[in-house]
Amino acid sequence: TFKEEHQSIEHTPVEIDESQGLILPNCGLILLHPFLSILFEELGVLSSQKQFAEEHNDLVVQLLHFIATGEENVSEQHLGAAKQLCGVPSSYPIKKESVLLEKHKKEALNLIQTVLNYWSALKNTTAAGLRGQFLTRSGKWVTTDEKIELFIERQTADILLDQLPWGLSMVKLPWLKNMIYVTW
């Protein structure tokens, strides 16, 4: 039937050449890198080897999407940056229905508030402001065997990045094999 064919197509992995670069929304999530390990440890989704079990892929990707957008409804086309940051293959299909519990959303909002507290230049900014000005920013993600490069779209608000109290040009996430080199 059409429905069966459509479902099988929807979940068929597609080979993507990431060395040419992927243009993705929500690449501004890279700003949160100092807090991601703590968040994932708090939620119990990181193994002792600092890796995610495949059973947690939907949760970690949906959680980063929620942090970036405040939305629980997910569309595969908006999940690329979250997948890349979590080391989830681009071809891995994420559930459309939310797997987030209240405790996940609460931790996400706490993370945003923590960022606003540390980044004094944003002291009067709301969660929506952080999302709109930075987290939802588009970028180009280029993955090779040796490194990951992330090129973020520039905007006027970027002058505030000079006051960011943590480094951003080189990011190492324990669950990713390669260093991320960020150009913002």
N, C-alpha and C. Protein backbone atom coordinates (compact mmCIF):
# COMPACT_ATOMS: atom_id res chain seq x y z
N THR A 1 0.85 -1.19 0.00
CA THR A 1 0.00 0.00 0.00
C THR A 1 0.88 1.24 0.00
N PHE A 2 0.26 2.35 -0.32
CA PHE A 2 1.00 3.61 -0.35
C PHE A 2 1.57 3.95 1.02
N LYS A 3 0.76 3.74 2.06
CA LYS A 3 1.20 4.06 3.42
C LYS A 3 2.44 3.26 3.80
N GLU A 4 2.45 1.97 3.50
CA GLU A 4 3.60 1.13 3.82
C GLU A 4 4.84 1.58 3.05
N GLU A 5 4.66 1.90 1.76
CA GLU A 5 5.78 2.37 0.95
C GLU A 5 6.32 3.68 1.50
N HIS A 6 5.42 4.59 1.87
CA HIS A 6 5.82 5.89 2.39
C HIS A 6 6.61 5.73 3.69
N GLN A 7 6.15 4.86 4.57
CA GLN A 7 6.84 4.64 5.83
C GLN A 7 8.23 4.06 5.60
N SER A 8 8.35 3.13 4.67
CA SER A 8 9.66 2.53 4.43
C SER A 8 10.62 3.55 3.80
N ILE A 9 10.12 4.42 2.96
CA ILE A 9 10.95 5.45 2.36
C ILE A 9 11.42 6.43 3.42
N GLU A 10 10.51 6.80 4.30
CA GLU A 10 10.81 7.79 5.33
C GLU A 10 11.93 7.33 6.25
N HIS A 11 12.07 6.04 6.47
CA HIS A 11 13.06 5.53 7.40
C HIS A 11 14.23 4.85 6.71
N THR A 12 14.35 5.03 5.40
CA THR A 12 15.48 4.47 4.67
C THR A 12 16.66 5.42 4.82
N PRO A 13 17.79 4.93 5.34
CA PRO A 13 18.96 5.80 5.48
C PRO A 13 19.42 6.34 4.13
N VAL A 14 19.83 7.59 4.12
CA VAL A 14 20.32 8.24 2.92
C VAL A 14 21.78 8.57 3.15
N GLU A 15 22.63 8.23 2.20
CA GLU A 15 24.05 8.55 2.32
C GLU A 15 24.24 10.03 1.99
N ILE A 16 24.89 10.75 2.88
CA ILE A 16 25.12 12.17 2.70
C ILE A 16 26.62 12.41 2.79
N ASP A 17 27.17 13.14 1.82
CA ASP A 17 28.60 13.47 1.85
C ASP A 17 28.79 14.72 2.69
N GLU A 18 29.10 14.53 3.96
CA GLU A 18 29.22 15.65 4.89
C GLU A 18 30.52 16.42 4.71
N SER A 19 31.47 15.88 3.94
CA SER A 19 32.73 16.59 3.72
C SER A 19 32.53 17.82 2.84
N GLN A 20 31.42 17.88 2.11
CA GLN A 20 31.11 19.04 1.28
C GLN A 20 30.39 20.12 2.09
N GLY A 21 29.90 19.76 3.25
CA GLY A 21 29.24 20.72 4.13
C GLY A 21 27.74 20.61 4.08
N LEU A 22 27.15 20.77 5.23
CA LEU A 22 25.70 20.78 5.37
C LEU A 22 25.28 22.14 5.89
N ILE A 23 24.31 22.77 5.24
CA ILE A 23 23.77 24.03 5.72
C ILE A 23 22.64 23.68 6.67
N LEU A 24 22.78 24.08 7.93
CA LEU A 24 21.85 23.64 8.96
C LEU A 24 21.35 24.80 9.81
N PRO A 25 20.08 24.73 10.24
CA PRO A 25 19.60 25.70 11.22
C PRO A 25 20.06 25.30 12.62
N ASN A 26 19.98 26.20 13.55
CA ASN A 26 20.25 25.96 14.98
C ASN A 26 21.71 25.64 15.28
N CYS A 27 22.61 26.08 14.43
CA CYS A 27 24.04 25.83 14.68
C CYS A 27 24.57 26.65 15.85
N GLY A 28 23.83 27.68 16.24
CA GLY A 28 24.22 28.47 17.40
C GLY A 28 24.24 27.67 18.69
N LEU A 29 23.68 26.46 18.66
CA LEU A 29 23.74 25.57 19.82
C LEU A 29 25.18 25.33 20.27
N ILE A 30 26.15 25.53 19.38
CA ILE A 30 27.55 25.33 19.74
C ILE A 30 27.95 26.22 20.91
N LEU A 31 27.27 27.34 21.09
CA LEU A 31 27.54 28.24 22.22
C LEU A 31 27.39 27.53 23.56
N LEU A 32 26.58 26.51 23.60
CA LEU A 32 26.27 25.83 24.86
C LEU A 32 27.27 24.73 25.21
N HIS A 33 28.31 24.58 24.43
CA HIS A 33 29.21 23.44 24.59
C HIS A 33 29.73 23.23 26.01
N PRO A 34 30.02 24.27 26.81
CA PRO A 34 30.55 23.99 28.15
C PRO A 34 29.54 23.30 29.07
N PHE A 35 28.28 23.37 28.72
CA PHE A 35 27.22 22.89 29.60
C PHE A 35 26.60 21.56 29.14
N LEU A 36 26.92 21.11 27.95
CA LEU A 36 26.24 19.94 27.39
C LEU A 36 26.58 18.65 28.13
N SER A 37 27.84 18.44 28.46
CA SER A 37 28.20 17.21 29.18
C SER A 37 27.47 17.14 30.52
N ILE A 38 27.44 18.25 31.22
CA ILE A 38 26.76 18.30 32.53
C ILE A 38 25.28 18.00 32.35
N LEU A 39 24.66 18.61 31.35
CA LEU A 39 23.24 18.38 31.09
C LEU A 39 22.97 16.90 30.83
N PHE A 40 23.75 16.31 29.95
CA PHE A 40 23.51 14.92 29.58
C PHE A 40 23.84 13.96 30.73
N GLU A 41 24.83 14.31 31.55
CA GLU A 41 25.12 13.49 32.73
C GLU A 41 23.97 13.57 33.73
N GLU A 42 23.46 14.79 33.95
CA GLU A 42 22.33 14.97 34.87
C GLU A 42 21.13 14.12 34.45
N LEU A 43 20.93 14.01 33.16
CA LEU A 43 19.78 13.25 32.64
C LEU A 43 20.08 11.76 32.51
N GLY A 44 21.31 11.37 32.78
CA GLY A 44 21.66 9.95 32.75
C GLY A 44 21.72 9.33 31.37
N VAL A 45 22.04 10.12 30.36
CA VAL A 45 22.08 9.59 28.99
C VAL A 45 23.49 9.36 28.47
N LEU A 46 24.50 9.75 29.24
CA LEU A 46 25.89 9.52 28.85
C LEU A 46 26.43 8.30 29.59
N SER A 47 27.10 7.44 28.87
CA SER A 47 27.72 6.27 29.50
C SER A 47 28.99 6.72 30.23
N SER A 48 29.60 5.83 30.96
CA SER A 48 30.85 6.15 31.65
C SER A 48 31.96 6.47 30.65
N GLN A 49 31.81 5.99 29.41
CA GLN A 49 32.77 6.31 28.35
C GLN A 49 32.40 7.60 27.62
N LYS A 50 31.45 8.35 28.17
CA LYS A 50 31.00 9.63 27.59
C LYS A 50 30.42 9.45 26.19
N GLN A 51 29.66 8.39 25.99
CA GLN A 51 28.99 8.13 24.72
C GLN A 51 27.50 7.97 24.97
N PHE A 52 26.71 8.19 23.92
CA PHE A 52 25.26 7.98 24.00
C PHE A 52 24.93 6.59 23.47
N ALA A 53 24.07 5.89 24.17
CA ALA A 53 23.52 4.65 23.62
C ALA A 53 22.50 5.06 22.55
N GLU A 54 22.37 4.25 21.51
CA GLU A 54 21.45 4.58 20.42
C GLU A 54 20.03 4.83 20.94
N GLU A 55 19.66 4.17 22.02
CA GLU A 55 18.32 4.34 22.58
C GLU A 55 18.06 5.78 23.06
N HIS A 56 19.12 6.57 23.24
CA HIS A 56 18.96 7.95 23.70
C HIS A 56 19.01 8.97 22.55
N ASN A 57 19.21 8.51 21.32
CA ASN A 57 19.34 9.44 20.19
C ASN A 57 18.15 10.38 20.07
N ASP A 58 16.94 9.84 20.15
CA ASP A 58 15.75 10.70 20.02
C ASP A 58 15.73 11.76 21.12
N LEU A 59 16.01 11.35 22.33
CA LEU A 59 15.96 12.27 23.46
C LEU A 59 16.99 13.38 23.34
N VAL A 60 18.25 13.05 23.09
CA VAL A 60 19.28 14.09 23.08
C VAL A 60 19.09 15.06 21.91
N VAL A 61 18.67 14.55 20.76
CA VAL A 61 18.45 15.43 19.61
C VAL A 61 17.22 16.31 19.84
N GLN A 62 16.13 15.72 20.31
CA GLN A 62 14.94 16.52 20.58
C GLN A 62 15.20 17.55 21.68
N LEU A 63 16.01 17.19 22.66
CA LEU A 63 16.32 18.12 23.74
C LEU A 63 17.09 19.32 23.22
N LEU A 64 18.09 19.10 22.39
CA LEU A 64 18.83 20.24 21.83
C LEU A 64 17.93 21.09 20.94
N HIS A 65 17.04 20.45 20.19
CA HIS A 65 16.09 21.20 19.37
C HIS A 65 15.20 22.06 20.27
N PHE A 66 14.74 21.51 21.38
CA PHE A 66 13.91 22.26 22.32
C PHE A 66 14.69 23.44 22.91
N ILE A 67 15.94 23.21 23.26
CA ILE A 67 16.76 24.30 23.81
C ILE A 67 16.89 25.42 22.78
N ALA A 68 17.14 25.07 21.53
CA ALA A 68 17.34 26.09 20.49
C ALA A 68 16.07 26.84 20.13
N THR A 69 14.94 26.14 20.13
CA THR A 69 13.71 26.73 19.58
C THR A 69 12.58 26.91 20.58
N GLY A 70 12.61 26.16 21.67
CA GLY A 70 11.49 26.17 22.61
C GLY A 70 10.33 25.33 22.12
N GLU A 71 10.52 24.62 21.02
CA GLU A 71 9.45 23.82 20.42
C GLU A 71 9.69 22.33 20.64
N GLU A 72 8.61 21.62 20.92
CA GLU A 72 8.70 20.18 21.06
C GLU A 72 8.42 19.46 19.75
N ASN A 73 7.65 20.07 18.89
CA ASN A 73 7.34 19.44 17.61
C ASN A 73 8.59 19.46 16.75
N VAL A 74 9.00 18.30 16.30
CA VAL A 74 10.23 18.23 15.54
C VAL A 74 9.96 17.90 14.08
N SER A 75 10.73 18.52 13.24
CA SER A 75 10.71 18.23 11.82
C SER A 75 12.15 17.87 11.45
N GLU A 76 12.32 16.76 10.81
CA GLU A 76 13.65 16.23 10.51
C GLU A 76 14.57 17.29 9.90
N GLN A 77 14.03 18.16 9.08
CA GLN A 77 14.85 19.16 8.40
C GLN A 77 15.45 20.20 9.35
N HIS A 78 14.95 20.28 10.58
CA HIS A 78 15.47 21.25 11.55
C HIS A 78 16.38 20.62 12.59
N LEU A 79 16.70 19.34 12.44
CA LEU A 79 17.43 18.62 13.48
C LEU A 79 18.90 18.40 13.16
N GLY A 80 19.36 18.88 12.02
CA GLY A 80 20.72 18.58 11.58
C GLY A 80 21.80 19.00 12.56
N ALA A 81 21.74 20.22 13.07
CA ALA A 81 22.78 20.68 14.00
C ALA A 81 22.74 19.88 15.29
N ALA A 82 21.56 19.61 15.79
CA ALA A 82 21.44 18.82 17.03
C ALA A 82 22.00 17.42 16.82
N LYS A 83 21.72 16.83 15.67
CA LYS A 83 22.27 15.50 15.37
C LYS A 83 23.80 15.55 15.33
N GLN A 84 24.33 16.54 14.63
CA GLN A 84 25.78 16.65 14.50
C GLN A 84 26.44 16.84 15.86
N LEU A 85 25.87 17.72 16.68
CA LEU A 85 26.45 17.99 18.00
C LEU A 85 26.39 16.78 18.92
N CYS A 86 25.44 15.90 18.70
CA CYS A 86 25.30 14.70 19.53
C CYS A 86 25.96 13.48 18.91
N GLY A 87 26.52 13.64 17.72
CA GLY A 87 27.16 12.51 17.06
C GLY A 87 26.18 11.49 16.51
N VAL A 88 24.95 11.93 16.29
CA VAL A 88 23.92 11.05 15.72
C VAL A 88 24.02 11.14 14.20
N PRO A 89 24.10 10.03 13.50
CA PRO A 89 24.21 10.08 12.04
C PRO A 89 23.07 10.88 11.39
N SER A 90 23.41 11.63 10.36
CA SER A 90 22.40 12.43 9.64
C SER A 90 21.26 11.57 9.14
N SER A 91 21.57 10.33 8.79
CA SER A 91 20.56 9.44 8.22
C SER A 91 19.66 8.80 9.27
N TYR A 92 19.98 8.97 10.55
CA TYR A 92 19.19 8.34 11.61
C TYR A 92 17.86 9.08 11.75
N PRO A 93 16.72 8.39 11.59
CA PRO A 93 15.42 9.07 11.69
C PRO A 93 15.03 9.31 13.15
N ILE A 94 14.75 10.56 13.48
CA ILE A 94 14.33 10.93 14.83
C ILE A 94 12.81 10.89 14.88
N LYS A 95 12.27 10.40 15.99
CA LYS A 95 10.81 10.34 16.16
C LYS A 95 10.22 11.74 16.06
N LYS A 96 9.08 11.83 15.39
CA LYS A 96 8.40 13.12 15.27
C LYS A 96 7.69 13.51 16.56
N GLU A 97 7.15 12.50 17.24
CA GLU A 97 6.44 12.80 18.49
C GLU A 97 7.48 13.01 19.60
N SER A 98 7.19 13.95 20.47
CA SER A 98 8.12 14.32 21.52
C SER A 98 8.34 13.18 22.51
N VAL A 99 9.60 12.99 22.89
CA VAL A 99 9.94 12.04 23.95
C VAL A 99 10.37 12.80 25.21
N LEU A 100 10.25 14.13 25.17
CA LEU A 100 10.69 14.95 26.29
C LEU A 100 9.69 14.90 27.44
N LEU A 101 10.21 14.71 28.62
CA LEU A 101 9.40 14.77 29.84
C LEU A 101 9.57 16.15 30.47
N GLU A 102 8.75 16.47 31.45
CA GLU A 102 8.85 17.77 32.12
C GLU A 102 10.25 17.98 32.70
N LYS A 103 10.85 16.94 33.26
CA LYS A 103 12.19 17.09 33.85
C LYS A 103 13.22 17.47 32.78
N HIS A 104 13.06 16.96 31.55
CA HIS A 104 13.97 17.31 30.46
C HIS A 104 13.82 18.78 30.10
N LYS A 105 12.57 19.22 29.98
CA LYS A 105 12.33 20.62 29.62
C LYS A 105 12.81 21.56 30.72
N LYS A 106 12.63 21.15 31.97
CA LYS A 106 13.09 21.97 33.10
C LYS A 106 14.61 22.10 33.06
N GLU A 107 15.31 21.00 32.83
CA GLU A 107 16.78 21.05 32.73
C GLU A 107 17.22 21.93 31.56
N ALA A 108 16.49 21.86 30.46
CA ALA A 108 16.82 22.69 29.29
C ALA A 108 16.69 24.17 29.62
N LEU A 109 15.61 24.52 30.29
CA LEU A 109 15.40 25.92 30.66
C LEU A 109 16.42 26.37 31.70
N ASN A 110 16.80 25.48 32.60
CA ASN A 110 17.85 25.80 33.57
C ASN A 110 19.18 26.07 32.86
N LEU A 111 19.47 25.29 31.83
CA LEU A 111 20.70 25.49 31.08
C LEU A 111 20.70 26.87 30.42
N ILE A 112 19.59 27.23 29.81
CA ILE A 112 19.49 28.55 29.18
C ILE A 112 19.70 29.65 30.22
N GLN A 113 19.08 29.52 31.37
CA GLN A 113 19.23 30.52 32.43
C GLN A 113 20.67 30.59 32.91
N THR A 114 21.32 29.45 33.01
CA THR A 114 22.73 29.42 33.41
C THR A 114 23.60 30.18 32.42
N VAL A 115 23.36 29.97 31.13
CA VAL A 115 24.10 30.70 30.09
C VAL A 115 23.88 32.20 30.25
N LEU A 116 22.64 32.61 30.44
CA LEU A 116 22.34 34.03 30.60
C LEU A 116 22.99 34.60 31.86
N ASN A 117 23.07 33.81 32.92
CA ASN A 117 23.72 34.27 34.15
C ASN A 117 25.22 34.45 33.98
N TYR A 118 25.87 33.55 33.26
CA TYR A 118 27.32 33.63 33.06
C TYR A 118 27.72 34.69 32.04
N TRP A 119 26.92 34.86 31.01
CA TRP A 119 27.25 35.78 29.92
C TRP A 119 26.66 37.14 30.27
N SER A 120 27.42 37.94 30.99
CA SER A 120 26.91 39.19 31.55
C SER A 120 26.40 40.17 30.50
N ALA A 121 26.91 40.10 29.29
CA ALA A 121 26.44 40.99 28.22
C ALA A 121 24.97 40.73 27.90
N LEU A 122 24.45 39.57 28.30
CA LEU A 122 23.05 39.22 28.03
C LEU A 122 22.19 39.28 29.29
N LYS A 123 22.63 40.03 30.30
CA LYS A 123 21.95 40.01 31.60
C LYS A 123 20.47 40.37 31.53
N ASN A 124 20.07 41.18 30.59
CA ASN A 124 18.65 41.56 30.47
C ASN A 124 17.95 40.81 29.34
N THR A 125 18.57 39.76 28.85
CA THR A 125 18.01 38.99 27.74
C THR A 125 17.16 37.84 28.27
N THR A 126 16.11 37.53 27.55
CA THR A 126 15.24 36.40 27.90
C THR A 126 15.72 35.15 27.17
N ALA A 127 15.12 34.02 27.53
CA ALA A 127 15.41 32.77 26.82
C ALA A 127 15.07 32.94 25.34
N ALA A 128 13.95 33.58 25.05
CA ALA A 128 13.56 33.80 23.66
C ALA A 128 14.58 34.67 22.93
N GLY A 129 15.14 35.64 23.63
CA GLY A 129 16.16 36.50 23.03
C GLY A 129 17.43 35.74 22.70
N LEU A 130 17.88 34.89 23.62
CA LEU A 130 19.07 34.07 23.37
C LEU A 130 18.83 33.14 22.18
N ARG A 131 17.65 32.55 22.16
CA ARG A 131 17.32 31.65 21.05
C ARG A 131 17.32 32.41 19.73
N GLY A 132 16.60 33.52 19.68
CA GLY A 132 16.44 34.26 18.44
C GLY A 132 17.72 34.90 17.94
N GLN A 133 18.54 35.41 18.86
CA GLN A 133 19.77 36.09 18.46
C GLN A 133 20.93 35.14 18.17
N PHE A 134 20.95 33.98 18.85
CA PHE A 134 22.14 33.13 18.73
C PHE A 134 21.86 31.66 18.44
N LEU A 135 21.02 31.01 19.23
CA LEU A 135 20.90 29.56 19.15
C LEU A 135 20.32 29.05 17.84
N THR A 136 19.40 29.79 17.26
CA THR A 136 18.76 29.33 16.01
C THR A 136 19.56 29.72 14.76
N ARG A 137 20.72 30.28 14.96
CA ARG A 137 21.54 30.75 13.85
C ARG A 137 21.93 29.61 12.91
N SER A 138 21.84 29.88 11.63
CA SER A 138 22.23 28.88 10.62
C SER A 138 23.74 28.82 10.49
N GLY A 139 24.21 27.70 9.97
CA GLY A 139 25.64 27.55 9.76
C GLY A 139 25.92 26.45 8.77
N LYS A 140 27.19 26.34 8.43
CA LYS A 140 27.65 25.28 7.54
C LYS A 140 28.54 24.34 8.35
N TRP A 141 28.17 23.07 8.38
CA TRP A 141 28.87 22.04 9.14
C TRP A 141 29.63 21.16 8.16
N VAL A 142 30.95 21.13 8.27
CA VAL A 142 31.80 20.36 7.37
C VAL A 142 32.55 19.31 8.18
N THR A 143 32.34 18.04 7.86
CA THR A 143 32.98 16.94 8.59
C THR A 143 33.95 16.21 7.67
N THR A 144 35.20 16.08 8.12
CA THR A 144 36.18 15.26 7.42
C THR A 144 36.73 14.24 8.42
N ASP A 145 37.63 13.39 7.97
CA ASP A 145 38.20 12.39 8.87
C ASP A 145 39.01 13.02 10.00
N GLU A 146 39.59 14.18 9.74
CA GLU A 146 40.49 14.81 10.71
C GLU A 146 39.82 15.83 11.62
N LYS A 147 38.77 16.49 11.14
CA LYS A 147 38.21 17.60 11.92
C LYS A 147 36.78 17.90 11.49
N ILE A 148 36.16 18.74 12.30
CA ILE A 148 34.83 19.27 11.99
C ILE A 148 34.99 20.79 11.94
N GLU A 149 34.44 21.40 10.91
CA GLU A 149 34.45 22.85 10.83
C GLU A 149 33.01 23.34 10.83
N LEU A 150 32.77 24.38 11.61
CA LEU A 150 31.44 24.97 11.71
C LEU A 150 31.56 26.45 11.41
N PHE A 151 30.88 26.90 10.38
CA PHE A 151 30.89 28.30 9.97
C PHE A 151 29.51 28.87 10.26
N ILE A 152 29.43 29.82 11.17
CA ILE A 152 28.15 30.38 11.60
C ILE A 152 27.86 31.67 10.84
N GLU A 153 26.62 31.81 10.45
CA GLU A 153 26.14 33.02 9.79
C GLU A 153 26.35 34.22 10.72
N ARG A 154 26.91 35.29 10.19
CA ARG A 154 27.19 36.49 11.00
C ARG A 154 25.98 37.41 11.06
N GLN A 155 25.81 38.05 12.22
CA GLN A 155 24.76 39.05 12.41
C GLN A 155 25.27 40.14 13.34
N THR A 156 24.54 41.23 13.41
CA THR A 156 24.94 42.39 14.21
C THR A 156 25.16 42.04 15.68
N ALA A 157 24.33 41.20 16.24
CA ALA A 157 24.43 40.85 17.67
C ALA A 157 25.74 40.14 18.00
N ASP A 158 26.49 39.73 17.00
CA ASP A 158 27.72 38.98 17.24
C ASP A 158 28.77 39.78 17.98
N ILE A 159 28.62 41.09 18.03
CA ILE A 159 29.56 41.91 18.81
C ILE A 159 29.57 41.46 20.27
N LEU A 160 28.47 40.89 20.74
CA LEU A 160 28.38 40.41 22.12
C LEU A 160 29.22 39.15 22.36
N LEU A 161 29.61 38.48 21.30
CA LEU A 161 30.46 37.29 21.46
C LEU A 161 31.82 37.63 22.04
N ASP A 162 32.25 38.90 21.88
CA ASP A 162 33.52 39.33 22.48
C ASP A 162 33.49 39.22 24.00
N GLN A 163 32.29 39.23 24.57
CA GLN A 163 32.14 39.17 26.03
C GLN A 163 31.73 37.78 26.51
N LEU A 164 31.75 36.81 25.62
CA LEU A 164 31.43 35.44 25.99
C LEU A 164 32.51 34.93 26.95
N PRO A 165 32.13 34.46 28.14
CA PRO A 165 33.15 34.09 29.13
C PRO A 165 33.78 32.71 28.94
N TRP A 166 33.61 32.08 27.81
CA TRP A 166 34.27 30.81 27.51
C TRP A 166 34.67 30.81 26.05
N GLY A 167 35.63 29.97 25.72
CA GLY A 167 36.14 29.89 24.36
C GLY A 167 35.15 29.28 23.39
N LEU A 168 35.29 29.64 22.13
CA LEU A 168 34.36 29.16 21.12
C LEU A 168 35.06 28.71 19.84
N SER A 169 36.32 29.09 19.65
CA SER A 169 36.95 28.79 18.36
C SER A 169 37.30 27.31 18.19
N MET A 170 37.61 26.62 19.29
CA MET A 170 37.88 25.18 19.25
C MET A 170 37.06 24.51 20.34
N VAL A 171 36.24 23.55 19.94
CA VAL A 171 35.34 22.89 20.88
C VAL A 171 35.58 21.39 20.80
N LYS A 172 35.75 20.77 21.96
CA LYS A 172 35.88 19.31 22.02
C LYS A 172 34.77 18.76 22.89
N LEU A 173 33.88 18.00 22.28
CA LEU A 173 32.81 17.32 23.00
C LEU A 173 33.24 15.87 23.18
N PRO A 174 33.15 15.32 24.38
CA PRO A 174 33.73 14.00 24.65
C PRO A 174 33.14 12.87 23.81
N TRP A 175 31.94 13.01 23.32
CA TRP A 175 31.31 11.95 22.54
C TRP A 175 31.59 12.06 21.05
N LEU A 176 32.28 13.12 20.63
CA LEU A 176 32.67 13.27 19.23
C LEU A 176 34.15 12.96 19.08
N LYS A 177 34.50 12.26 18.02
CA LYS A 177 35.89 11.87 17.78
C LYS A 177 36.77 13.09 17.52
N ASN A 178 36.27 14.03 16.74
CA ASN A 178 37.09 15.15 16.28
C ASN A 178 36.74 16.46 16.97
N MET A 179 37.74 17.33 16.99
CA MET A 179 37.58 18.70 17.46
C MET A 179 36.69 19.46 16.47
N ILE A 180 35.90 20.40 17.00
CA ILE A 180 35.08 21.28 16.16
C ILE A 180 35.78 22.64 16.11
N TYR A 181 36.10 23.09 14.91
CA TYR A 181 36.71 24.40 14.72
C TYR A 181 35.60 25.35 14.27
N VAL A 182 35.34 26.35 15.10
CA VAL A 182 34.20 27.24 14.89
C VAL A 182 34.68 28.57 14.33
N THR A 183 34.04 29.01 13.26
CA THR A 183 34.25 30.35 12.72
C THR A 183 32.92 31.07 12.83
N TRP A 184 32.89 32.09 13.69
CA TRP A 184 31.64 32.81 13.92
C TRP A 184 31.85 34.26 13.54
